Amino acid sequence: MTEQAGYRVRQWGQDPQWESFAVPSPGTKEVLVKVEACGVGLTVLNCINGNLGDDPVLLPRVPGHELVGRVVEVGDGADPGLMGRRVVAYFYLICGHCEWCRAGREQRCTNLAGQLGVHRDGGYAPWVVLPELNAIPVSDDLDPVAATVVPDAVATPVHVADRADITPVDRVAVLGAGGGVGIHMVQVARYRGATVAGLDVTQEKLVEIERLGALPVQSDDFERLDHGIFSGERPTVVVDLLGTTATATWALGALEMGGRLVALTTFPNRQAVFQARDMVFREMSILGSRYSHRAQVVEAVRLVTEGHVQPIVGSVTGPEEVLGLHEKIRSRHLIGRGALDWR
């Protein structure tokens, strides 16, 4: 097979187009992957919008970074042990040899070549070439659609839990808890032993948050939302997946002494104001959380494989329906992640 059909972005900020193009061949230290499924979430839409790179030189581009598939060919110098393995994709295009990569903090790579689905093709097509470092093996027992949550929707919360040092003494408030990262953040925080509240706006999402063992909190108006959401007690950690001025203002006002606000969103032109005096007297921290380490993706694999985290995939579609799935995500009604199934 030399041709494939899939989606490619022709202009940043516009939906990708269905078209035919060549099946790629792996180069040195690369592998060819037959894609089985690809996660679809807000980050994919941010990528398509050009929020992580909008240079026209990058186009056309196949989006989709949360891909799962089988290695069917290995290039020169690539590990032959990857042949035939099911893999998930590491999002960041890392060098593997800078000081951060050697230290196992690959998301801080000083030679970062960009992101999968933005700076090289991703999983919105049935065949993709990955650098060897971006192909992380998973068990054959893990369903491909379920596995789409591993490399971002679960790995990101694992990194957040490490950044914020979430322990059983913590009370964790997750803002946007019904979305793809949020619904898994709730589970990872609970796995760490914390008491968790999930804040969202639709009844369906709040029901799912409660089913997963967290306190559901209606949060359609942060200006009126009480700070003592834990039976009068304040959160010690707030994970902000919405990234608005209103959410950051509420979080900084709500945090307990020594509390930590974790910011994750990459939307441009979002601002928050804090008082330095307040930060000192309450000894609070604002932490940026940048994706995850490769080892944290491996940990995410373990959490899902062993049943500690349940993959929440609210909608699974074939390629002909993926643009409709984008609309569900934009409307904020999708619970958890979406997935594109290529099988």
C-alpha atoms as a PDB file:
ATOM      1  CA  MET A   1       0.000   0.000   0.000  1.00  0.00           C
ATOM      2  CA  THR A   2       1.401   3.393  -1.005  1.00  0.00           C
ATOM      3  CA  GLU A   3      -1.661   5.638  -0.479  1.00  0.00           C
ATOM      4  CA  GLN A   4      -3.838   6.270   2.547  1.00  0.00           C
ATOM      5  CA  ALA A   5      -6.862   8.441   3.259  1.00  0.00           C
ATOM      6  CA  GLY A   6      -7.091  10.571   6.369  1.00  0.00           C
ATOM      7  CA  TYR A   7      -7.518  14.080   7.733  1.00  0.00           C
ATOM      8  CA  ARG A   8      -5.056  16.895   7.165  1.00  0.00           C
ATOM      9  CA  VAL A   9      -5.095  20.515   8.318  1.00  0.00           C
ATOM     10  CA  ARG A  10      -4.765  22.816   5.328  1.00  0.00           C
ATOM     11  CA  GLN A  11      -5.157  26.076   7.251  1.00  0.00           C
ATOM     12  CA  TRP A  12      -4.648  26.634  10.973  1.00  0.00           C
ATOM     13  CA  GLY A  13      -7.937  27.450  12.658  1.00  0.00           C
ATOM     14  CA  GLN A  14     -10.044  25.429  10.235  1.00  0.00           C
ATOM     15  CA  ASP A  15     -11.261  21.843  10.473  1.00  0.00           C
ATOM     16  CA  PRO A  16      -9.024  19.271   8.779  1.00  0.00           C
ATOM     17  CA  GLN A  17      -9.972  17.942   5.357  1.00  0.00           C
ATOM     18  CA  TRP A  18     -10.368  14.341   4.260  1.00  0.00           C
ATOM     19  CA  GLU A  19      -7.893  13.543   1.484  1.00  0.00           C
ATOM     20  CA  SER A  20      -5.504  10.941   0.071  1.00  0.00           C
ATOM     21  CA  PHE A  21      -1.742  11.082   0.528  1.00  0.00           C
ATOM     22  CA  ALA A  22       1.264   8.809   0.694  1.00  0.00           C
ATOM     23  CA  VAL A  23       1.906   6.236   3.411  1.00  0.00           C
ATOM     24  CA  PRO A  24       5.197   7.346   5.018  1.00  0.00           C
ATOM     25  CA  SER A  25       8.307   5.212   5.393  1.00  0.00           C
ATOM     26  CA  PRO A  26      10.329   5.152   8.622  1.00  0.00           C
ATOM     27  CA  GLY A  27      13.757   6.773   8.616  1.00  0.00           C
ATOM     28  CA  THR A  28      16.663   6.264  10.968  1.00  0.00           C
ATOM     29  CA  LYS A  29      15.495   5.507  14.524  1.00  0.00           C
ATOM     30  CA  GLU A  30      11.854   5.729  13.443  1.00  0.00           C
ATOM     31  CA  VAL A  31       8.992   3.231  13.320  1.00  0.00           C
ATOM     32  CA  LEU A  32       5.942   2.904  11.089  1.00  0.00           C
ATOM     33  CA  VAL A  33       2.750   2.459  13.092  1.00  0.00           C
ATOM     34  CA  LYS A  34      -0.592   1.142  11.863  1.00  0.00           C
ATOM     35  CA  VAL A  35      -2.968   3.325  13.861  1.00  0.00           C
ATOM     36  CA  GLU A  36      -5.777   1.504  15.667  1.00  0.00           C
ATOM     37  CA  ALA A  37      -7.335   4.467  17.489  1.00  0.00           C
ATOM     38  CA  CYS A  38      -6.655   8.101  18.320  1.00  0.00           C
ATOM     39  CA  GLY A  39      -7.921  10.166  21.234  1.00  0.00           C
ATOM     40  CA  VAL A  40      -9.894  13.311  20.466  1.00  0.00           C
ATOM     41  CA  GLY A  41     -10.047  16.106  23.012  1.00  0.00           C
ATOM     42  CA  LEU A  42      -9.685  19.815  23.547  1.00  0.00           C
ATOM     43  CA  THR A  43      -5.906  19.697  23.073  1.00  0.00           C
ATOM     44  CA  VAL A  44      -6.379  18.351  19.541  1.00  0.00           C
ATOM     45  CA  LEU A  45      -8.665  21.276  18.774  1.00  0.00           C
ATOM     46  CA  ASN A  46      -6.092  23.668  20.245  1.00  0.00           C
ATOM     47  CA  CYS A  47      -3.485  22.152  17.947  1.00  0.00           C
ATOM     48  CA  ILE A  48      -5.760  22.500  14.927  1.00  0.00           C
ATOM     49  CA  ASN A  49      -6.432  26.114  15.905  1.00  0.00           C
ATOM     50  CA  GLY A  50      -2.710  26.814  15.776  1.00  0.00           C
ATOM     51  CA  ASN A  51      -2.274  27.427  19.511  1.00  0.00           C
ATOM     52  CA  LEU A  52       0.832  25.202  19.663  1.00  0.00           C
ATOM     53  CA  GLY A  53       2.274  26.287  16.325  1.00  0.00           C
ATOM     54  CA  ASP A  54       0.747  28.197  13.426  1.00  0.00           C
ATOM     55  CA  ASP A  55       3.544  28.425  10.882  1.00  0.00           C
ATOM     56  CA  PRO A  56       2.076  27.791   7.402  1.00  0.00           C
ATOM     57  CA  VAL A  57       5.283  25.932   6.548  1.00  0.00           C
ATOM     58  CA  LEU A  58       4.076  23.103   8.814  1.00  0.00           C
ATOM     59  CA  LEU A  59       1.060  22.466   6.577  1.00  0.00           C
ATOM     60  CA  PRO A  60      -0.503  20.228   5.484  1.00  0.00           C
ATOM     61  CA  ARG A  61      -0.511  18.371   8.801  1.00  0.00           C
ATOM     62  CA  VAL A  62      -2.261  15.252  10.099  1.00  0.00           C
ATOM     63  CA  PRO A  63      -3.461  16.097  13.643  1.00  0.00           C
ATOM     64  CA  GLY A  64      -3.945  13.708  16.549  1.00  0.00           C
ATOM     65  CA  HIS A  65      -1.359  13.083  19.268  1.00  0.00           C
ATOM     66  CA  GLU A  66      -3.118  10.488  21.463  1.00  0.00           C
ATOM     67  CA  LEU A  67      -2.637   7.635  19.040  1.00  0.00           C
ATOM     68  CA  VAL A  68      -2.450   3.898  19.683  1.00  0.00           C
ATOM     69  CA  GLY A  69      -1.303   1.351  17.139  1.00  0.00           C
ATOM     70  CA  ARG A  70       0.978  -1.494  16.076  1.00  0.00           C
ATOM     71  CA  VAL A  71       4.557  -1.095  14.941  1.00  0.00           C
ATOM     72  CA  VAL A  72       4.691  -2.747  11.515  1.00  0.00           C
ATOM     73  CA  GLU A  73       8.128  -1.599  10.342  1.00  0.00           C
ATOM     74  CA  VAL A  74      11.287  -0.331  12.052  1.00  0.00           C
ATOM     75  CA  GLY A  75      13.817   1.968  10.437  1.00  0.00           C
ATOM     76  CA  ASP A  76      17.590   1.739  10.574  1.00  0.00           C
ATOM     77  CA  GLY A  77      18.918   1.910  14.103  1.00  0.00           C
ATOM     78  CA  ALA A  78      15.500   1.567  15.735  1.00  0.00           C
ATOM     79  CA  ASP A  79      14.920  -1.082  18.388  1.00  0.00           C
ATOM     80  CA  PRO A  80      13.858  -4.290  16.570  1.00  0.00           C
ATOM     81  CA  GLY A  81      12.051  -5.316  19.757  1.00  0.00           C
ATOM     82  CA  LEU A  82       9.373  -2.747  18.926  1.00  0.00           C
ATOM     83  CA  MET A  83       8.311  -4.728  15.853  1.00  0.00           C
ATOM     84  CA  GLY A  84       4.752  -5.964  16.307  1.00  0.00           C
ATOM     85  CA  ARG A  85       4.263  -4.170  19.620  1.00  0.00           C
ATOM     86  CA  ARG A  86       1.219  -2.106  20.479  1.00  0.00           C
ATOM     87  CA  VAL A  87       2.387   1.400  21.383  1.00  0.00           C
ATOM     88  CA  VAL A  88       1.040   4.731  22.556  1.00  0.00           C
ATOM     89  CA  ALA A  89       2.609   7.979  21.386  1.00  0.00           C
ATOM     90  CA  TYR A  90       4.546  10.409  23.557  1.00  0.00           C
ATOM     91  CA  PHE A  91       3.277  13.888  22.635  1.00  0.00           C
ATOM     92  CA  TYR A  92       6.532  15.910  22.675  1.00  0.00           C
ATOM     93  CA  LEU A  93       9.167  15.466  19.969  1.00  0.00           C
ATOM     94  CA  ILE A  94      12.176  15.182  22.245  1.00  0.00           C
ATOM     95  CA  CYS A  95      15.877  14.851  21.485  1.00  0.00           C
ATOM     96  CA  GLY A  96      16.706  12.194  24.086  1.00  0.00           C
ATOM     97  CA  HIS A  97      20.205  13.488  24.853  1.00  0.00           C
ATOM     98  CA  CYS A  98      19.971  16.975  26.437  1.00  0.00           C
ATOM     99  CA  GLU A  99      20.359  17.394  30.196  1.00  0.00           C
ATOM    100  CA  TRP A 100      16.608  17.335  30.790  1.00  0.00           C
ATOM    101  CA  CYS A 101      16.051  14.228  28.684  1.00  0.00           C
ATOM    102  CA  ARG A 102      18.916  12.435  30.415  1.00  0.00           C
ATOM    103  CA  ALA A 103      17.395  13.415  33.766  1.00  0.00           C
ATOM    104  CA  GLY A 104      14.040  11.892  32.789  1.00  0.00           C
ATOM    105  CA  ARG A 105      12.331  15.291  32.517  1.00  0.00           C
ATOM    106  CA  GLU A 106      11.760  15.019  28.791  1.00  0.00           C
ATOM    107  CA  GLN A 107       8.896  17.536  28.680  1.00  0.00           C
ATOM    108  CA  ARG A 108      11.538  20.230  29.361  1.00  0.00           C
ATOM    109  CA  CYS A 109      13.750  19.117  26.446  1.00  0.00           C
ATOM    110  CA  THR A 110      16.003  21.992  25.382  1.00  0.00           C
ATOM    111  CA  ASN A 111      16.066  20.742  21.786  1.00  0.00           C
ATOM    112  CA  LEU A 112      12.325  20.172  21.516  1.00  0.00           C
ATOM    113  CA  ALA A 113      11.259  19.745  17.898  1.00  0.00           C
ATOM    114  CA  GLY A 114       7.618  20.496  18.658  1.00  0.00           C
ATOM    115  CA  GLN A 115       4.579  18.315  19.215  1.00  0.00           C
ATOM    116  CA  LEU A 116       3.098  15.327  17.488  1.00  0.00           C
ATOM    117  CA  GLY A 117       0.146  16.357  15.358  1.00  0.00           C
ATOM    118  CA  VAL A 118       1.541  19.886  14.966  1.00  0.00           C
ATOM    119  CA  HIS A 119       5.160  19.592  13.855  1.00  0.00           C
ATOM    120  CA  ARG A 120       4.856  16.103  12.386  1.00  0.00           C
ATOM    121  CA  ASP A 121       1.905  13.941  11.425  1.00  0.00           C
ATOM    122  CA  GLY A 122      -0.321  12.286  14.017  1.00  0.00           C
ATOM    123  CA  GLY A 123      -3.137   9.775  14.319  1.00  0.00           C
ATOM    124  CA  TYR A 124      -5.911  11.238  12.165  1.00  0.00           C
ATOM    125  CA  ALA A 125      -4.656   8.911   9.425  1.00  0.00           C
ATOM    126  CA  PRO A 126      -4.288   5.103   9.496  1.00  0.00           C
ATOM    127  CA  TRP A 127      -0.490   5.071   9.104  1.00  0.00           C
ATOM    128  CA  VAL A 128       2.048   7.259  10.901  1.00  0.00           C
ATOM    129  CA  VAL A 129       5.809   7.367  11.395  1.00  0.00           C
ATOM    130  CA  LEU A 130       7.008   8.034  14.931  1.00  0.00           C
ATOM    131  CA  PRO A 131      10.487   8.644  16.282  1.00  0.00           C
ATOM    132  CA  GLU A 132      11.499   5.610  18.304  1.00  0.00           C
ATOM    133  CA  LEU A 133      11.508   7.699  21.505  1.00  0.00           C
ATOM    134  CA  ASN A 134       7.853   8.580  20.944  1.00  0.00           C
ATOM    135  CA  ALA A 135       6.650   4.974  20.758  1.00  0.00           C
ATOM    136  CA  ILE A 136       5.912   3.612  24.251  1.00  0.00           C
ATOM    137  CA  PRO A 137       4.838  -0.070  24.412  1.00  0.00           C
ATOM    138  CA  VAL A 138       1.614  -1.107  26.150  1.00  0.00           C
ATOM    139  CA  SER A 139       0.099  -4.486  26.897  1.00  0.00           C
ATOM    140  CA  ASP A 140      -1.728  -6.323  24.138  1.00  0.00           C
ATOM    141  CA  ASP A 141      -4.500  -6.862  26.698  1.00  0.00           C
ATOM    142  CA  LEU A 142      -5.265  -3.141  26.739  1.00  0.00           C
ATOM    143  CA  ASP A 143      -8.041  -2.243  24.309  1.00  0.00           C
ATOM    144  CA  PRO A 144      -6.824   0.324  21.748  1.00  0.00           C
ATOM    145  CA  VAL A 145      -9.727   2.735  22.315  1.00  0.00           C
ATOM    146  CA  ALA A 146      -9.266   2.551  26.089  1.00  0.00           C
ATOM    147  CA  ALA A 147      -5.528   3.051  25.606  1.00  0.00           C
ATOM    148  CA  THR A 148      -6.075   6.417  23.863  1.00  0.00           C
ATOM    149  CA  VAL A 149      -6.510   8.061  27.274  1.00  0.00           C
ATOM    150  CA  VAL A 150      -3.084   6.884  28.474  1.00  0.00           C
ATOM    151  CA  PRO A 151      -0.522   9.200  26.801  1.00  0.00           C
ATOM    152  CA  ASP A 152      -2.207  12.491  27.726  1.00  0.00           C
ATOM    153  CA  ALA A 153      -5.534  12.266  29.581  1.00  0.00           C
ATOM    154  CA  VAL A 154      -3.998  10.044  32.284  1.00  0.00           C
ATOM    155  CA  ALA A 155      -0.281  10.867  31.961  1.00  0.00           C
ATOM    156  CA  THR A 156      -0.942  14.587  32.423  1.00  0.00           C
ATOM    157  CA  PRO A 157      -2.758  14.037  35.756  1.00  0.00           C
ATOM    158  CA  VAL A 158       0.078  11.764  36.888  1.00  0.00           C
ATOM    159  CA  HIS A 159       2.468  14.665  36.273  1.00  0.00           C
ATOM    160  CA  VAL A 160       0.118  17.099  38.029  1.00  0.00           C
ATOM    161  CA  ALA A 161      -0.060  14.812  41.068  1.00  0.00           C
ATOM    162  CA  ASP A 162       3.730  14.752  41.229  1.00  0.00           C
ATOM    163  CA  ARG A 163       4.090  18.529  40.666  1.00  0.00           C
ATOM    164  CA  ALA A 164       1.575  19.348  43.411  1.00  0.00           C
ATOM    165  CA  ASP A 165       2.788  16.507  45.661  1.00  0.00           C
ATOM    166  CA  ILE A 166      -0.752  15.230  46.168  1.00  0.00           C
ATOM    167  CA  THR A 167      -0.992  12.985  49.233  1.00  0.00           C
ATOM    168  CA  PRO A 168      -3.788  11.559  51.435  1.00  0.00           C
ATOM    169  CA  VAL A 169      -3.851  14.749  53.545  1.00  0.00           C
ATOM    170  CA  ASP A 170      -4.908  16.866  50.563  1.00  0.00           C
ATOM    171  CA  ARG A 171      -8.287  18.175  49.486  1.00  0.00           C
ATOM    172  CA  VAL A 172      -8.116  18.527  45.691  1.00  0.00           C
ATOM    173  CA  ALA A 173     -10.541  20.626  43.633  1.00  0.00           C
ATOM    174  CA  VAL A 174     -10.510  19.857  39.900  1.00  0.00           C
ATOM    175  CA  LEU A 175     -11.968  22.646  37.740  1.00  0.00           C
ATOM    176  CA  GLY A 176     -13.421  21.264  34.509  1.00  0.00           C
ATOM    177  CA  ALA A 177     -13.575  17.816  36.059  1.00  0.00           C
ATOM    178  CA  GLY A 178     -15.929  16.270  33.520  1.00  0.00           C
ATOM    179  CA  GLY A 179     -13.622  16.719  30.534  1.00  0.00           C
ATOM    180  CA  GLY A 180     -10.995  14.405  29.139  1.00  0.00           C
ATOM    181  CA  VAL A 181      -8.124  15.339  31.447  1.00  0.00           C
ATOM    182  CA  GLY A 182     -10.373  16.356  34.338  1.00  0.00           C
ATOM    183  CA  ILE A 183     -12.263  13.081  34.695  1.00  0.00           C
ATOM    184  CA  HIS A 184      -8.957  11.192  34.867  1.00  0.00           C
ATOM    185  CA  MET A 185      -7.403  13.820  37.164  1.00  0.00           C
ATOM    186  CA  VAL A 186     -10.201  13.064  39.616  1.00  0.00           C
ATOM    187  CA  GLN A 187      -9.246   9.387  39.556  1.00  0.00           C
ATOM    188  CA  VAL A 188      -5.481   9.912  39.828  1.00  0.00           C
ATOM    189  CA  ALA A 189      -5.932  12.277  42.795  1.00  0.00           C
ATOM    190  CA  ARG A 190      -8.191   9.730  44.496  1.00  0.00           C
ATOM    191  CA  TYR A 191      -5.631   6.994  43.779  1.00  0.00           C
ATOM    192  CA  ARG A 192      -3.098   9.162  45.638  1.00  0.00           C
ATOM    193  CA  GLY A 193      -5.469   9.085  48.615  1.00  0.00           C
ATOM    194  CA  ALA A 194      -6.727  12.657  48.437  1.00  0.00           C
ATOM    195  CA  THR A 195     -10.274  13.822  49.073  1.00  0.00           C
ATOM    196  CA  VAL A 196     -11.474  15.158  45.718  1.00  0.00           C
ATOM    197  CA  ALA A 197     -14.135  17.559  44.484  1.00  0.00           C
ATOM    198  CA  GLY A 198     -14.971  17.758  40.803  1.00  0.00           C
ATOM    199  CA  LEU A 199     -16.321  21.085  39.568  1.00  0.00           C
ATOM    200  CA  ASP A 200     -18.346  21.279  36.362  1.00  0.00           C
ATOM    201  CA  VAL A 201     -21.627  22.599  34.982  1.00  0.00           C
ATOM    202  CA  THR A 202     -23.744  19.859  33.399  1.00  0.00           C
ATOM    203  CA  GLN A 203     -25.762  17.341  35.400  1.00  0.00           C
ATOM    204  CA  GLU A 204     -24.428  14.438  33.335  1.00  0.00           C
ATOM    205  CA  LYS A 205     -20.830  15.325  34.171  1.00  0.00           C
ATOM    206  CA  LEU A 206     -21.618  15.839  37.849  1.00  0.00           C
ATOM    207  CA  VAL A 207     -23.258  12.414  38.018  1.00  0.00           C
ATOM    208  CA  GLU A 208     -20.141  10.821  36.502  1.00  0.00           C
ATOM    209  CA  ILE A 209     -17.888  12.725  38.911  1.00  0.00           C
ATOM    210  CA  GLU A 210     -19.900  11.384  41.842  1.00  0.00           C
ATOM    211  CA  ARG A 211     -19.830   7.853  40.422  1.00  0.00           C
ATOM    212  CA  LEU A 212     -16.043   8.002  40.477  1.00  0.00           C
ATOM    213  CA  GLY A 213     -16.036   8.791  44.184  1.00  0.00           C
ATOM    214  CA  ALA A 214     -15.554  12.559  44.118  1.00  0.00           C
ATOM    215  CA  LEU A 215     -17.738  15.341  45.487  1.00  0.00           C
ATOM    216  CA  PRO A 216     -19.695  16.889  42.587  1.00  0.00           C
ATOM    217  CA  VAL A 217     -19.823  20.696  42.690  1.00  0.00           C
ATOM    218  CA  GLN A 218     -21.896  22.858  40.377  1.00  0.00           C
ATOM    219  CA  SER A 219     -19.632  25.664  39.162  1.00  0.00           C
ATOM    220  CA  ASP A 220     -21.513  27.753  36.629  1.00  0.00           C
ATOM    221  CA  ASP A 221     -20.769  30.961  38.595  1.00  0.00           C
ATOM    222  CA  PHE A 222     -17.333  31.185  40.226  1.00  0.00           C
ATOM    223  CA  GLU A 223     -18.064  34.656  41.615  1.00  0.00           C
ATOM    224  CA  ARG A 224     -20.746  33.169  43.853  1.00  0.00           C
ATOM    225  CA  LEU A 225     -19.112  29.786  44.550  1.00  0.00           C
ATOM    226  CA  ASP A 226     -18.238  29.290  48.204  1.00  0.00           C
ATOM    227  CA  HIS A 227     -14.587  28.619  49.027  1.00  0.00           C
ATOM    228  CA  GLY A 228     -15.390  25.973  51.633  1.00  0.00           C
ATOM    229  CA  ILE A 229     -16.547  23.301  49.204  1.00  0.00           C
ATOM    230  CA  PHE A 230     -15.319  20.453  51.411  1.00  0.00           C
ATOM    231  CA  SER A 231     -18.010  20.699  54.111  1.00  0.00           C
ATOM    232  CA  GLY A 232     -16.739  24.143  54.994  1.00  0.00           C
ATOM    233  CA  GLU A 233     -13.041  23.383  54.494  1.00  0.00           C
ATOM    234  CA  ARG A 234     -10.981  24.890  51.706  1.00  0.00           C
ATOM    235  CA  PRO A 235      -9.025  22.969  49.062  1.00  0.00           C
ATOM    236  CA  THR A 236      -5.296  22.473  49.554  1.00  0.00           C
ATOM    237  CA  VAL A 237      -4.811  21.921  45.810  1.00  0.00           C
ATOM    238  CA  VAL A 238      -6.754  23.398  42.891  1.00  0.00           C
ATOM    239  CA  VAL A 239      -6.173  21.928  39.424  1.00  0.00           C
ATOM    240  CA  ASP A 240      -7.400  24.505  36.903  1.00  0.00           C
ATOM    241  CA  LEU A 241      -8.232  22.958  33.534  1.00  0.00           C
ATOM    242  CA  LEU A 242     -10.312  25.947  32.414  1.00  0.00           C
ATOM    243  CA  GLY A 243      -7.718  28.701  32.671  1.00  0.00           C
ATOM    244  CA  THR A 244      -9.957  31.750  32.886  1.00  0.00           C
ATOM    245  CA  THR A 245      -9.561  34.865  34.992  1.00  0.00           C
ATOM    246  CA  ALA A 246     -12.620  33.800  36.971  1.00  0.00           C
ATOM    247  CA  THR A 247     -11.299  30.323  37.766  1.00  0.00           C
ATOM    248  CA  ALA A 248      -7.832  31.560  38.754  1.00  0.00           C
ATOM    249  CA  THR A 249      -9.333  34.294  40.945  1.00  0.00           C
ATOM    250  CA  TRP A 250     -11.580  31.777  42.689  1.00  0.00           C
ATOM    251  CA  ALA A 251      -8.731  29.293  43.134  1.00  0.00           C
ATOM    252  CA  LEU A 252      -6.352  31.826  44.684  1.00  0.00           C
ATOM    253  CA  GLY A 253      -9.084  33.005  47.029  1.00  0.00           C
ATOM    254  CA  ALA A 254     -10.153  29.507  47.957  1.00  0.00           C
ATOM    255  CA  LEU A 255      -6.826  27.851  48.725  1.00  0.00           C
ATOM    256  CA  GLU A 256      -5.980  26.803  52.251  1.00  0.00           C
ATOM    257  CA  MET A 257      -2.768  27.943  53.927  1.00  0.00           C
ATOM    258  CA  GLY A 258       0.122  26.373  51.977  1.00  0.00           C
ATOM    259  CA  GLY A 259      -2.161  25.605  49.047  1.00  0.00           C
ATOM    260  CA  ARG A 260      -1.100  24.963  45.465  1.00  0.00           C
ATOM    261  CA  LEU A 261      -2.773  26.169  42.280  1.00  0.00           C
ATOM    262  CA  VAL A 262      -1.829  24.062  39.243  1.00  0.00           C
ATOM    263  CA  ALA A 263      -2.310  25.782  35.875  1.00  0.00           C
ATOM    264  CA  LEU A 264      -2.459  23.637  32.728  1.00  0.00           C
ATOM    265  CA  THR A 265      -4.233  25.452  29.922  1.00  0.00           C
ATOM    266  CA  THR A 266      -2.338  26.915  26.959  1.00  0.00           C
ATOM    267  CA  PHE A 267      -5.026  29.266  25.658  1.00  0.00           C
ATOM    268  CA  PRO A 268      -3.482  32.584  24.596  1.00  0.00           C
ATOM    269  CA  ASN A 269      -4.333  35.904  26.260  1.00  0.00           C
ATOM    270  CA  ARG A 270      -5.677  34.453  29.518  1.00  0.00           C
ATOM    271  CA  GLN A 271      -4.610  36.471  32.563  1.00  0.00           C
ATOM    272  CA  ALA A 272      -4.878  36.130  36.330  1.00  0.00           C
ATOM    273  CA  VAL A 273      -4.012  38.607  39.075  1.00  0.00           C
ATOM    274  CA  PHE A 274      -2.522  37.695  42.434  1.00  0.00           C
ATOM    275  CA  GLN A 275      -1.467  39.712  45.468  1.00  0.00           C
ATOM    276  CA  ALA A 276       2.165  39.094  46.447  1.00  0.00           C
ATOM    277  CA  ARG A 277       1.342  39.889  50.090  1.00  0.00           C
ATOM    278  CA  ASP A 278      -1.385  37.231  50.091  1.00  0.00           C
ATOM    279  CA  MET A 279       0.938  34.678  48.504  1.00  0.00           C
ATOM    280  CA  VAL A 280       3.469  35.284  51.283  1.00  0.00           C
ATOM    281  CA  PHE A 281       1.113  35.310  54.266  1.00  0.00           C
ATOM    282  CA  ARG A 282      -0.716  32.191  53.099  1.00  0.00           C
ATOM    283  CA  GLU A 283       2.475  30.634  51.665  1.00  0.00           C
ATOM    284  CA  MET A 284       0.722  29.580  48.474  1.00  0.00           C
ATOM    285  CA  SER A 285       2.237  28.323  45.226  1.00  0.00           C
ATOM    286  CA  ILE A 286       1.249  28.695  41.586  1.00  0.00           C
ATOM    287  CA  LEU A 287       2.586  25.780  39.565  1.00  0.00           C
ATOM    288  CA  GLY A 288       2.666  25.400  35.814  1.00  0.00           C
ATOM    289  CA  SER A 289       2.323  21.793  34.701  1.00  0.00           C
ATOM    290  CA  ARG A 290       3.843  20.938  31.322  1.00  0.00           C
ATOM    291  CA  TYR A 291       2.629  17.587  29.938  1.00  0.00           C
ATOM    292  CA  SER A 292       4.486  14.585  31.493  1.00  0.00           C
ATOM    293  CA  HIS A 293       7.711  12.608  31.586  1.00  0.00           C
ATOM    294  CA  ARG A 294       7.996   9.454  29.495  1.00  0.00           C
ATOM    295  CA  ALA A 295       8.186   7.507  32.777  1.00  0.00           C
ATOM    296  CA  GLN A 296       4.870   9.063  33.804  1.00  0.00           C
ATOM    297  CA  VAL A 297       3.299   7.744  30.593  1.00  0.00           C
ATOM    298  CA  VAL A 298       4.558   4.317  31.627  1.00  0.00           C
ATOM    299  CA  GLU A 299       2.989   4.901  35.055  1.00  0.00           C
ATOM    300  CA  ALA A 300      -0.262   5.890  33.336  1.00  0.00           C
ATOM    301  CA  VAL A 301      -0.144   2.587  31.431  1.00  0.00           C
ATOM    302  CA  ARG A 302       0.168   0.758  34.740  1.00  0.00           C
ATOM    303  CA  LEU A 303      -2.703   2.639  36.384  1.00  0.00           C
ATOM    304  CA  VAL A 304      -5.054   1.824  33.520  1.00  0.00           C
ATOM    305  CA  THR A 305      -3.850  -1.764  33.011  1.00  0.00           C
ATOM    306  CA  GLU A 306      -4.204  -2.586  36.715  1.00  0.00           C
ATOM    307  CA  GLY A 307      -7.641  -0.946  36.933  1.00  0.00           C
ATOM    308  CA  HIS A 308      -6.711   1.921  39.259  1.00  0.00           C
ATOM    309  CA  VAL A 309      -7.909   4.429  36.647  1.00  0.00           C
ATOM    310  CA  GLN A 310     -10.941   3.721  34.487  1.00  0.00           C
ATOM    311  CA  PRO A 311     -10.683   5.058  30.928  1.00  0.00           C
ATOM    312  CA  ILE A 312     -13.606   7.403  30.324  1.00  0.00           C
ATOM    313  CA  VAL A 313     -14.272   7.656  26.595  1.00  0.00           C
ATOM    314  CA  GLY A 314     -17.605   9.364  26.119  1.00  0.00           C
ATOM    315  CA  SER A 315     -17.879   8.975  22.346  1.00  0.00           C
ATOM    316  CA  VAL A 316     -16.223   6.656  19.822  1.00  0.00           C
ATOM    317  CA  THR A 317     -16.575   7.338  16.105  1.00  0.00           C
ATOM    318  CA  GLY A 318     -15.274   6.161  12.794  1.00  0.00           C
ATOM    319  CA  PRO A 319     -13.378   8.593  10.573  1.00  0.00           C
ATOM    320  CA  GLU A 320     -16.517   9.755   8.784  1.00  0.00           C
ATOM    321  CA  GLU A 321     -17.926  11.185  12.053  1.00  0.00           C
ATOM    322  CA  VAL A 322     -14.858  12.797  13.600  1.00  0.00           C
ATOM    323  CA  LEU A 323     -15.795  16.384  12.709  1.00  0.00           C
ATOM    324  CA  GLY A 324     -19.097  15.889  14.525  1.00  0.00           C
ATOM    325  CA  LEU A 325     -17.086  14.730  17.525  1.00  0.00           C
ATOM    326  CA  HIS A 326     -15.188  18.022  17.373  1.00  0.00           C
ATOM    327  CA  GLU A 327     -18.507  19.858  17.756  1.00  0.00           C
ATOM    328  CA  LYS A 328     -19.401  17.789  20.839  1.00  0.00           C
ATOM    329  CA  ILE A 329     -16.105  18.813  22.417  1.00  0.00           C
ATOM    330  CA  ARG A 330     -16.560  22.478  21.552  1.00  0.00           C
ATOM    331  CA  SER A 331     -20.014  22.445  23.171  1.00  0.00           C
ATOM    332  CA  ARG A 332     -18.438  21.042  26.386  1.00  0.00           C
ATOM    333  CA  HIS A 333     -21.073  18.302  26.628  1.00  0.00           C
ATOM    334  CA  LEU A 334     -18.767  15.331  26.039  1.00  0.00           C
ATOM    335  CA  ILE A 335     -17.919  13.395  29.197  1.00  0.00           C
ATOM    336  CA  GLY A 336     -14.268  12.361  29.206  1.00  0.00           C
ATOM    337  CA  ARG A 337     -12.342  11.886  25.990  1.00  0.00           C
ATOM    338  CA  GLY A 338     -13.549  11.124  22.487  1.00  0.00           C
ATOM    339  CA  ALA A 339     -11.866   8.554  20.272  1.00  0.00           C
ATOM    340  CA  LEU A 340     -11.405   7.953  16.555  1.00  0.00           C
ATOM    341  CA  ASP A 341     -11.460   4.202  15.858  1.00  0.00           C
ATOM    342  CA  TRP A 342      -9.543   3.136  12.736  1.00  0.00           C
ATOM    343  CA  ARG A 343     -10.231  -0.620  13.062  1.00  0.00           C
END
